[in-house]
Amino acid sequence: MSRGELADFLRRRREALRPQQVPALPAGRAPAHPGLRREEVAALAGMSVSYYERLEQARTPPVTGGADALATALRLTAAEREHLARLAGQVPPGTDADRGPVPADARRLLDRLGPIPAYLVDERQDVVAWNAAAAALITDFSLLPAEERNTVRLSVRLAGSLCSAPAGAEGQFARQSAAHLRAATARNPADHVLSELADEFATHSPDFAAGWRDHDVRPVPTLRKQLHHPELGEVELDRQTLLLPGTDLQLVMYTAEPGSPSAAALAQLCSGG
């Protein structure tokens, strides 16, 4: 990972942190601009201002323990802390998942979910397995070329020809997809396909491009989506994402509020009615 990635991440997290979020700062501080100053981050991290400035200028790598101190100073979440450690080349032990084919038990889980549309995506957000309900709700993935079985590509490039959200409703999904790919890029710096995908998606989606620039790597387990299905019309579903332990795969499920019209429509679709 380049020092430029680390420098950009530090700068954006510093600018996003408000002084009132940091009790250790002097009371009555009158900021000249939003976010913390470089000297304030340096003091909170216990390092010199000149050294921190070199970090943000991509002129030096963090010293051992420096990433942890910066994560504390910038009040990073657990996901952001791990991302920073990876950018700094100080990967916490035990965080790398084993890569490999789709486990048989994961495929059985998809089948057991029955009427709940579900599929598995890898680090690149490629759909690698799915159940019949997901094919009915979204598209028959088996009819698509392997390179098109990508959740972001389907959302960005094929909107309107498949089950898709109304115009303007995909922004949150695009930003969350950017967060997933940004974190995956730090975990797999040698996978150049990830950066190529990010460039492609950013070209097609301003929301994805904004999310990528912001370096937001915080996961959002549940995302409310309003979909327009060619047979069901408008349905409101929760897109829930779970990481499968011991793999780099995520289980994505679509559920509806019990008793809602969307739940009835989803049940009708999956029953073939």
C-alpha atoms as a PDB file:
ATOM      1  CA  MET A   1       0.000   0.000   0.000  1.00  0.00           C
ATOM      2  CA  SER A   2       1.406   3.424  -0.927  1.00  0.00           C
ATOM      3  CA  ARG A   3       2.211   6.121   1.617  1.00  0.00           C
ATOM      4  CA  GLY A   4      -0.188   8.336  -0.319  1.00  0.00           C
ATOM      5  CA  GLU A   5      -3.138   6.141   0.705  1.00  0.00           C
ATOM      6  CA  LEU A   6      -2.114   6.402   4.349  1.00  0.00           C
ATOM      7  CA  ALA A   7      -1.602  10.167   4.110  1.00  0.00           C
ATOM      8  CA  ASP A   8      -5.009  10.723   2.513  1.00  0.00           C
ATOM      9  CA  PHE A   9      -6.738   8.530   5.107  1.00  0.00           C
ATOM     10  CA  LEU A  10      -5.122  10.427   8.003  1.00  0.00           C
ATOM     11  CA  ARG A  11      -6.009  13.812   6.551  1.00  0.00           C
ATOM     12  CA  ARG A  12      -9.649  12.928   5.907  1.00  0.00           C
ATOM     13  CA  ARG A  13     -10.154  11.381   9.347  1.00  0.00           C
ATOM     14  CA  ARG A  14      -8.520  14.436  10.970  1.00  0.00           C
ATOM     15  CA  GLU A  15     -10.747  16.833   9.035  1.00  0.00           C
ATOM     16  CA  ALA A  16     -13.852  14.769   9.883  1.00  0.00           C
ATOM     17  CA  LEU A  17     -13.180  14.807  13.641  1.00  0.00           C
ATOM     18  CA  ARG A  18     -14.804  17.748  15.439  1.00  0.00           C
ATOM     19  CA  PRO A  19     -13.062  19.413  18.413  1.00  0.00           C
ATOM     20  CA  GLN A  20     -16.103  18.849  20.645  1.00  0.00           C
ATOM     21  CA  GLN A  21     -15.609  15.106  20.162  1.00  0.00           C
ATOM     22  CA  VAL A  22     -12.221  15.299  21.886  1.00  0.00           C
ATOM     23  CA  PRO A  23     -12.530  16.222  25.592  1.00  0.00           C
ATOM     24  CA  ALA A  24      -8.729  16.413  25.922  1.00  0.00           C
ATOM     25  CA  LEU A  25      -8.589  19.586  23.835  1.00  0.00           C
ATOM     26  CA  PRO A  26      -8.548  22.925  25.692  1.00  0.00           C
ATOM     27  CA  ALA A  27     -11.975  24.347  26.506  1.00  0.00           C
ATOM     28  CA  GLY A  28     -13.035  27.395  24.509  1.00  0.00           C
ATOM     29  CA  ARG A  29     -10.887  26.460  21.534  1.00  0.00           C
ATOM     30  CA  ALA A  30     -11.862  28.577  18.517  1.00  0.00           C
ATOM     31  CA  PRO A  31     -11.150  26.492  15.407  1.00  0.00           C
ATOM     32  CA  ALA A  32     -10.216  28.308  12.233  1.00  0.00           C
ATOM     33  CA  HIS A  33     -11.723  25.495  10.189  1.00  0.00           C
ATOM     34  CA  PRO A  34     -13.677  22.271  10.763  1.00  0.00           C
ATOM     35  CA  GLY A  35     -11.708  19.342  12.078  1.00  0.00           C
ATOM     36  CA  LEU A  36      -8.601  19.097  14.209  1.00  0.00           C
ATOM     37  CA  ARG A  37      -5.330  20.844  13.497  1.00  0.00           C
ATOM     38  CA  ARG A  38      -2.253  18.784  12.693  1.00  0.00           C
ATOM     39  CA  GLU A  39      -0.540  19.934  15.865  1.00  0.00           C
ATOM     40  CA  GLU A  40      -3.525  18.788  17.922  1.00  0.00           C
ATOM     41  CA  VAL A  41      -3.453  15.295  16.423  1.00  0.00           C
ATOM     42  CA  ALA A  42       0.297  15.135  16.981  1.00  0.00           C
ATOM     43  CA  ALA A  43      -0.085  16.102  20.646  1.00  0.00           C
ATOM     44  CA  LEU A  44      -2.868  13.582  21.190  1.00  0.00           C
ATOM     45  CA  ALA A  45      -0.763  10.852  19.557  1.00  0.00           C
ATOM     46  CA  GLY A  46       2.374  11.774  21.503  1.00  0.00           C
ATOM     47  CA  MET A  47       4.506  12.611  18.477  1.00  0.00           C
ATOM     48  CA  SER A  48       6.164  15.716  17.086  1.00  0.00           C
ATOM     49  CA  VAL A  49       4.246  18.039  14.797  1.00  0.00           C
ATOM     50  CA  SER A  50       6.920  17.808  12.110  1.00  0.00           C
ATOM     51  CA  TYR A  51       6.738  14.015  12.124  1.00  0.00           C
ATOM     52  CA  TYR A  52       2.947  13.997  11.812  1.00  0.00           C
ATOM     53  CA  GLU A  53       3.131  16.543   8.999  1.00  0.00           C
ATOM     54  CA  ARG A  54       5.516  14.231   7.131  1.00  0.00           C
ATOM     55  CA  LEU A  55       2.989  11.417   7.542  1.00  0.00           C
ATOM     56  CA  GLU A  56       0.234  13.516   5.943  1.00  0.00           C
ATOM     57  CA  GLN A  57       2.652  14.507   3.193  1.00  0.00           C
ATOM     58  CA  ALA A  58       3.468  10.836   2.474  1.00  0.00           C
ATOM     59  CA  ARG A  59       7.118  11.492   3.231  1.00  0.00           C
ATOM     60  CA  THR A  60       7.659   8.895   5.980  1.00  0.00           C
ATOM     61  CA  PRO A  61       6.136   5.631   7.259  1.00  0.00           C
ATOM     62  CA  PRO A  62       4.732   5.286  10.799  1.00  0.00           C
ATOM     63  CA  VAL A  63       7.098   3.986  13.468  1.00  0.00           C
ATOM     64  CA  THR A  64       6.201   0.830  15.383  1.00  0.00           C
ATOM     65  CA  GLY A  65       3.208   1.597  17.561  1.00  0.00           C
ATOM     66  CA  GLY A  66       2.551   4.840  15.722  1.00  0.00           C
ATOM     67  CA  ALA A  67      -0.570   3.554  13.973  1.00  0.00           C
ATOM     68  CA  ASP A  68      -2.154   2.562  17.283  1.00  0.00           C
ATOM     69  CA  ALA A  69      -1.410   5.976  18.801  1.00  0.00           C
ATOM     70  CA  LEU A  70      -2.865   7.743  15.777  1.00  0.00           C
ATOM     71  CA  ALA A  71      -5.975   5.549  15.858  1.00  0.00           C
ATOM     72  CA  THR A  72      -6.565   6.542  19.470  1.00  0.00           C
ATOM     73  CA  ALA A  73      -5.924  10.218  18.773  1.00  0.00           C
ATOM     74  CA  LEU A  74      -8.324  10.222  15.826  1.00  0.00           C
ATOM     75  CA  ARG A  75     -10.946   8.212  17.754  1.00  0.00           C
ATOM     76  CA  LEU A  76     -11.185   5.600  15.014  1.00  0.00           C
ATOM     77  CA  THR A  77     -13.723   2.806  15.056  1.00  0.00           C
ATOM     78  CA  ALA A  78     -12.536  -0.810  15.206  1.00  0.00           C
ATOM     79  CA  ALA A  79     -12.882  -1.139  11.427  1.00  0.00           C
ATOM     80  CA  GLU A  80     -10.998   2.124  10.823  1.00  0.00           C
ATOM     81  CA  ARG A  81      -8.300   1.126  13.329  1.00  0.00           C
ATOM     82  CA  GLU A  82      -7.650  -2.136  11.496  1.00  0.00           C
ATOM     83  CA  HIS A  83      -7.686  -0.305   8.145  1.00  0.00           C
ATOM     84  CA  LEU A  84      -5.077   2.177   9.417  1.00  0.00           C
ATOM     85  CA  ALA A  85      -2.892  -0.654  10.716  1.00  0.00           C
ATOM     86  CA  ARG A  86      -2.989  -2.303   7.304  1.00  0.00           C
ATOM     87  CA  LEU A  87      -2.159   0.925   5.486  1.00  0.00           C
ATOM     88  CA  ALA A  88       0.778   1.372   7.869  1.00  0.00           C
ATOM     89  CA  GLY A  89       2.014  -2.183   7.329  1.00  0.00           C
ATOM     90  CA  GLN A  90       1.253  -3.085  10.941  1.00  0.00           C
ATOM     91  CA  VAL A  91      -1.484  -5.681  10.422  1.00  0.00           C
ATOM     92  CA  PRO A  92      -2.937  -6.944  13.699  1.00  0.00           C
ATOM     93  CA  PRO A  93      -2.398 -10.723  14.097  1.00  0.00           C
ATOM     94  CA  GLY A  94      -5.248 -13.049  13.315  1.00  0.00           C
ATOM     95  CA  THR A  95      -7.261 -10.709  11.074  1.00  0.00           C
ATOM     96  CA  ASP A  96      -6.526 -12.325   7.708  1.00  0.00           C
ATOM     97  CA  ALA A  97      -9.235 -14.705   6.491  1.00  0.00           C
ATOM     98  CA  ASP A  98      -8.424 -17.890   4.603  1.00  0.00           C
ATOM     99  CA  ARG A  99      -9.204 -17.599   0.906  1.00  0.00           C
ATOM    100  CA  GLY A 100     -10.603 -20.490  -1.070  1.00  0.00           C
ATOM    101  CA  PRO A 101     -13.668 -21.932  -2.820  1.00  0.00           C
ATOM    102  CA  VAL A 102     -17.189 -21.475  -1.505  1.00  0.00           C
ATOM    103  CA  PRO A 103     -17.524 -23.875   1.456  1.00  0.00           C
ATOM    104  CA  ALA A 104     -20.135 -26.591   1.082  1.00  0.00           C
ATOM    105  CA  ASP A 105     -21.781 -25.620   4.368  1.00  0.00           C
ATOM    106  CA  ALA A 106     -22.182 -22.040   3.086  1.00  0.00           C
ATOM    107  CA  ARG A 107     -24.002 -23.332   0.012  1.00  0.00           C
ATOM    108  CA  ARG A 108     -26.240 -25.462   2.235  1.00  0.00           C
ATOM    109  CA  LEU A 109     -27.003 -22.380   4.328  1.00  0.00           C
ATOM    110  CA  LEU A 110     -28.219 -20.541   1.233  1.00  0.00           C
ATOM    111  CA  ASP A 111     -30.576 -23.398   0.385  1.00  0.00           C
ATOM    112  CA  ARG A 112     -31.898 -23.604   3.953  1.00  0.00           C
ATOM    113  CA  LEU A 113     -32.819 -19.931   3.916  1.00  0.00           C
ATOM    114  CA  GLY A 114     -35.611 -20.925   1.535  1.00  0.00           C
ATOM    115  CA  PRO A 115     -37.883 -17.928   0.867  1.00  0.00           C
ATOM    116  CA  ILE A 116     -35.274 -15.416   2.069  1.00  0.00           C
ATOM    117  CA  PRO A 117     -33.357 -14.039  -0.963  1.00  0.00           C
ATOM    118  CA  ALA A 118     -29.663 -14.508  -0.188  1.00  0.00           C
ATOM    119  CA  TYR A 119     -26.311 -14.691  -1.922  1.00  0.00           C
ATOM    120  CA  LEU A 120     -22.600 -14.752  -1.140  1.00  0.00           C
ATOM    121  CA  VAL A 121     -20.140 -12.083  -2.278  1.00  0.00           C
ATOM    122  CA  ASP A 122     -16.360 -12.121  -2.129  1.00  0.00           C
ATOM    123  CA  GLU A 123     -13.915  -9.274  -1.483  1.00  0.00           C
ATOM    124  CA  ARG A 124     -14.529  -7.886  -4.961  1.00  0.00           C
ATOM    125  CA  GLN A 125     -18.305  -7.868  -4.351  1.00  0.00           C
ATOM    126  CA  ASP A 126     -18.672 -10.626  -6.945  1.00  0.00           C
ATOM    127  CA  VAL A 127     -21.680 -12.902  -6.391  1.00  0.00           C
ATOM    128  CA  VAL A 128     -20.201 -16.400  -6.052  1.00  0.00           C
ATOM    129  CA  ALA A 129     -23.318 -18.325  -4.909  1.00  0.00           C
ATOM    130  CA  TRP A 130     -27.035 -17.621  -4.546  1.00  0.00           C
ATOM    131  CA  ASN A 131     -30.374 -19.259  -3.810  1.00  0.00           C
ATOM    132  CA  ALA A 132     -33.527 -19.461  -5.900  1.00  0.00           C
ATOM    133  CA  ALA A 133     -35.202 -16.619  -4.005  1.00  0.00           C
ATOM    134  CA  ALA A 134     -32.325 -14.239  -4.829  1.00  0.00           C
ATOM    135  CA  ALA A 135     -32.565 -15.170  -8.503  1.00  0.00           C
ATOM    136  CA  ALA A 136     -36.303 -14.441  -8.432  1.00  0.00           C
ATOM    137  CA  LEU A 137     -35.887 -11.090  -6.681  1.00  0.00           C
ATOM    138  CA  ILE A 138     -32.802  -9.689  -8.408  1.00  0.00           C
ATOM    139  CA  THR A 139     -31.860 -11.641 -11.547  1.00  0.00           C
ATOM    140  CA  ASP A 140     -30.923 -15.132 -12.651  1.00  0.00           C
ATOM    141  CA  PHE A 141     -27.200 -14.828 -12.020  1.00  0.00           C
ATOM    142  CA  SER A 142     -26.535 -18.040 -13.951  1.00  0.00           C
ATOM    143  CA  LEU A 143     -27.513 -16.260 -17.177  1.00  0.00           C
ATOM    144  CA  LEU A 144     -24.924 -13.523 -16.667  1.00  0.00           C
ATOM    145  CA  PRO A 145     -21.240 -13.719 -17.629  1.00  0.00           C
ATOM    146  CA  ALA A 146     -19.097 -14.262 -14.546  1.00  0.00           C
ATOM    147  CA  GLU A 147     -17.628 -10.758 -14.786  1.00  0.00           C
ATOM    148  CA  GLU A 148     -21.121  -9.226 -14.632  1.00  0.00           C
ATOM    149  CA  ARG A 149     -22.082 -11.044 -11.411  1.00  0.00           C
ATOM    150  CA  ASN A 150     -20.952  -8.126  -9.317  1.00  0.00           C
ATOM    151  CA  THR A 151     -23.366  -6.295  -7.034  1.00  0.00           C
ATOM    152  CA  VAL A 152     -21.957  -2.846  -7.722  1.00  0.00           C
ATOM    153  CA  ARG A 153     -21.713  -3.411 -11.458  1.00  0.00           C
ATOM    154  CA  LEU A 154     -25.315  -4.624 -11.534  1.00  0.00           C
ATOM    155  CA  SER A 155     -26.470  -1.593  -9.578  1.00  0.00           C
ATOM    156  CA  VAL A 156     -24.450   0.974 -11.508  1.00  0.00           C
ATOM    157  CA  ARG A 157     -24.399  -0.327 -15.064  1.00  0.00           C
ATOM    158  CA  LEU A 158     -27.583  -2.373 -15.406  1.00  0.00           C
ATOM    159  CA  ALA A 159     -30.053  -0.228 -13.472  1.00  0.00           C
ATOM    160  CA  GLY A 160     -33.377  -0.225 -15.255  1.00  0.00           C
ATOM    161  CA  SER A 161     -32.912  -3.560 -17.010  1.00  0.00           C
ATOM    162  CA  LEU A 162     -33.019  -5.580 -13.776  1.00  0.00           C
ATOM    163  CA  CYS A 163     -34.680  -5.274 -10.382  1.00  0.00           C
ATOM    164  CA  SER A 164     -33.311  -1.898  -9.357  1.00  0.00           C
ATOM    165  CA  ALA A 165     -33.905   0.992  -6.996  1.00  0.00           C
ATOM    166  CA  PRO A 166     -35.575   4.203  -8.202  1.00  0.00           C
ATOM    167  CA  ALA A 167     -33.325   6.983  -9.445  1.00  0.00           C
ATOM    168  CA  GLY A 168     -31.433   8.585  -6.580  1.00  0.00           C
ATOM    169  CA  ALA A 169     -32.080   5.766  -4.090  1.00  0.00           C
ATOM    170  CA  GLU A 170     -28.807   3.929  -4.686  1.00  0.00           C
ATOM    171  CA  GLY A 171     -26.489   6.549  -3.180  1.00  0.00           C
ATOM    172  CA  GLN A 172     -26.178   4.917   0.221  1.00  0.00           C
ATOM    173  CA  PHE A 173     -25.592   1.503  -1.335  1.00  0.00           C
ATOM    174  CA  ALA A 174     -22.910   2.924  -3.633  1.00  0.00           C
ATOM    175  CA  ARG A 175     -21.100   4.582  -0.716  1.00  0.00           C
ATOM    176  CA  GLN A 176     -21.263   1.396   1.345  1.00  0.00           C
ATOM    177  CA  SER A 177     -19.884  -0.560  -1.616  1.00  0.00           C
ATOM    178  CA  ALA A 178     -17.008   1.902  -1.787  1.00  0.00           C
ATOM    179  CA  ALA A 179     -16.334   1.282   1.911  1.00  0.00           C
ATOM    180  CA  HIS A 180     -16.236  -2.495   1.348  1.00  0.00           C
ATOM    181  CA  LEU A 181     -13.851  -2.202  -1.601  1.00  0.00           C
ATOM    182  CA  ARG A 182     -11.639   0.356   0.183  1.00  0.00           C
ATOM    183  CA  ALA A 183     -11.214  -1.990   3.161  1.00  0.00           C
ATOM    184  CA  ALA A 184     -10.682  -4.980   0.862  1.00  0.00           C
ATOM    185  CA  THR A 185      -7.946  -3.111  -1.007  1.00  0.00           C
ATOM    186  CA  ALA A 186      -6.047  -2.578   2.248  1.00  0.00           C
ATOM    187  CA  ARG A 187      -6.432  -6.260   3.144  1.00  0.00           C
ATOM    188  CA  ASN A 188      -5.304  -7.376  -0.324  1.00  0.00           C
ATOM    189  CA  PRO A 189      -2.849  -4.775  -1.665  1.00  0.00           C
ATOM    190  CA  ALA A 190      -1.579  -7.190  -4.343  1.00  0.00           C
ATOM    191  CA  ASP A 191      -5.064  -7.636  -5.844  1.00  0.00           C
ATOM    192  CA  HIS A 192      -4.978  -5.034  -8.614  1.00  0.00           C
ATOM    193  CA  VAL A 193      -8.466  -6.021  -9.767  1.00  0.00           C
ATOM    194  CA  LEU A 194      -9.878  -4.300  -6.673  1.00  0.00           C
ATOM    195  CA  SER A 195      -8.411  -0.927  -7.647  1.00  0.00           C
ATOM    196  CA  GLU A 196      -9.512  -1.443 -11.257  1.00  0.00           C
ATOM    197  CA  LEU A 197     -13.062  -2.105 -10.069  1.00  0.00           C
ATOM    198  CA  ALA A 198     -12.956   1.009  -7.896  1.00  0.00           C
ATOM    199  CA  ASP A 199     -11.891   3.124 -10.893  1.00  0.00           C
ATOM    200  CA  GLU A 200     -14.669   1.636 -13.038  1.00  0.00           C
ATOM    201  CA  PHE A 201     -17.385   2.132 -10.435  1.00  0.00           C
ATOM    202  CA  ALA A 202     -16.254   5.668  -9.599  1.00  0.00           C
ATOM    203  CA  THR A 203     -16.592   6.577 -13.282  1.00  0.00           C
ATOM    204  CA  HIS A 204     -20.232   5.434 -13.341  1.00  0.00           C
ATOM    205  CA  SER A 205     -21.340   6.540  -9.862  1.00  0.00           C
ATOM    206  CA  PRO A 206     -20.617   9.937  -8.246  1.00  0.00           C
ATOM    207  CA  ASP A 207     -21.827   8.483  -4.927  1.00  0.00           C
ATOM    208  CA  PHE A 208     -19.310   5.652  -5.156  1.00  0.00           C
ATOM    209  CA  ALA A 209     -16.572   8.142  -6.069  1.00  0.00           C
ATOM    210  CA  ALA A 210     -17.451  10.310  -3.051  1.00  0.00           C
ATOM    211  CA  GLY A 211     -17.437   7.322  -0.723  1.00  0.00           C
ATOM    212  CA  TRP A 212     -14.070   6.182  -2.084  1.00  0.00           C
ATOM    213  CA  ARG A 213     -12.536   9.621  -1.588  1.00  0.00           C
ATOM    214  CA  ASP A 214     -13.819   9.801   1.997  1.00  0.00           C
ATOM    215  CA  HIS A 215     -11.988   6.600   3.029  1.00  0.00           C
ATOM    216  CA  ASP A 216     -15.032   5.535   5.029  1.00  0.00           C
ATOM    217  CA  VAL A 217     -14.445   1.846   5.861  1.00  0.00           C
ATOM    218  CA  ARG A 218     -17.058   1.455   8.601  1.00  0.00           C
ATOM    219  CA  PRO A 219     -19.395  -1.473   7.874  1.00  0.00           C
ATOM    220  CA  VAL A 220     -23.158  -0.966   7.734  1.00  0.00           C
ATOM    221  CA  PRO A 221     -24.706  -4.376   8.527  1.00  0.00           C
ATOM    222  CA  THR A 222     -28.256  -3.327   7.559  1.00  0.00           C
ATOM    223  CA  LEU A 223     -29.272  -1.083   4.690  1.00  0.00           C
ATOM    224  CA  ARG A 224     -32.888  -0.203   3.866  1.00  0.00           C
ATOM    225  CA  LYS A 225     -33.567  -0.371   0.127  1.00  0.00           C
ATOM    226  CA  GLN A 226     -36.640   0.517  -1.905  1.00  0.00           C
ATOM    227  CA  LEU A 227     -36.610  -1.692  -4.964  1.00  0.00           C
ATOM    228  CA  HIS A 228     -38.689  -1.595  -8.108  1.00  0.00           C
ATOM    229  CA  HIS A 229     -39.355  -5.151  -9.218  1.00  0.00           C
ATOM    230  CA  PRO A 230     -40.812  -5.751 -12.711  1.00  0.00           C
ATOM    231  CA  GLU A 231     -43.528  -8.043 -11.278  1.00  0.00           C
ATOM    232  CA  LEU A 232     -43.998  -6.856  -7.690  1.00  0.00           C
ATOM    233  CA  GLY A 233     -43.643  -3.128  -8.227  1.00  0.00           C
ATOM    234  CA  GLU A 234     -42.273  -1.125  -5.298  1.00  0.00           C
ATOM    235  CA  VAL A 235     -41.019  -3.145  -2.320  1.00  0.00           C
ATOM    236  CA  GLU A 236     -39.107  -1.965   0.750  1.00  0.00           C
ATOM    237  CA  LEU A 237     -36.521  -4.445   2.009  1.00  0.00           C
ATOM    238  CA  ASP A 238     -33.668  -4.565   4.491  1.00  0.00           C
ATOM    239  CA  ARG A 239     -30.361  -5.654   2.990  1.00  0.00           C
ATOM    240  CA  GLN A 240     -28.476  -7.429   5.784  1.00  0.00           C
ATOM    241  CA  THR A 241     -24.817  -8.395   5.522  1.00  0.00           C
ATOM    242  CA  LEU A 242     -22.968 -10.941   7.657  1.00  0.00           C
ATOM    243  CA  LEU A 243     -19.319 -12.012   7.444  1.00  0.00           C
ATOM    244  CA  LEU A 244     -18.826 -15.779   7.311  1.00  0.00           C
ATOM    245  CA  PRO A 245     -16.120 -16.646   9.882  1.00  0.00           C
ATOM    246  CA  GLY A 246     -12.923 -18.114   8.471  1.00  0.00           C
ATOM    247  CA  THR A 247     -13.594 -16.848   4.936  1.00  0.00           C
ATOM    248  CA  ASP A 248     -13.522 -13.617   2.950  1.00  0.00           C
ATOM    249  CA  LEU A 249     -17.183 -14.156   2.032  1.00  0.00           C
ATOM    250  CA  GLN A 250     -20.186 -12.116   3.101  1.00  0.00           C
ATOM    251  CA  LEU A 251     -23.728 -13.404   3.290  1.00  0.00           C
ATOM    252  CA  VAL A 252     -26.251 -10.877   1.950  1.00  0.00           C
ATOM    253  CA  MET A 253     -29.946 -11.370   2.755  1.00  0.00           C
ATOM    254  CA  TYR A 254     -33.070  -9.397   1.862  1.00  0.00           C
ATOM    255  CA  THR A 255     -35.906  -9.374   4.392  1.00  0.00           C
ATOM    256  CA  ALA A 256     -39.129  -7.381   4.782  1.00  0.00           C
ATOM    257  CA  GLU A 257     -40.945  -6.045   7.834  1.00  0.00           C
ATOM    258  CA  PRO A 258     -43.269  -8.834   9.048  1.00  0.00           C
ATOM    259  CA  GLY A 259     -46.888  -8.185   8.088  1.00  0.00           C
ATOM    260  CA  SER A 260     -45.990  -5.453   5.622  1.00  0.00           C
ATOM    261  CA  PRO A 261     -47.137  -5.324   1.973  1.00  0.00           C
ATOM    262  CA  SER A 262     -43.490  -5.889   1.003  1.00  0.00           C
ATOM    263  CA  ALA A 263     -43.395  -9.086   3.064  1.00  0.00           C
ATOM    264  CA  ALA A 264     -46.545 -10.333   1.322  1.00  0.00           C
ATOM    265  CA  ALA A 265     -45.128  -9.453  -2.091  1.00  0.00           C
ATOM    266  CA  LEU A 266     -41.848 -11.222  -1.293  1.00  0.00           C
ATOM    267  CA  ALA A 267     -43.692 -14.345  -0.134  1.00  0.00           C
ATOM    268  CA  GLN A 268     -45.754 -14.304  -3.332  1.00  0.00           C
ATOM    269  CA  LEU A 269     -42.645 -14.039  -5.473  1.00  0.00           C
ATOM    270  CA  CYS A 270     -40.808 -16.855  -3.744  1.00  0.00           C
ATOM    271  CA  SER A 271     -43.852 -19.143  -3.827  1.00  0.00           C
ATOM    272  CA  GLY A 272     -44.124 -18.662  -7.554  1.00  0.00           C
ATOM    273  CA  GLY A 273     -47.568 -17.127  -7.196  1.00  0.00           C
END
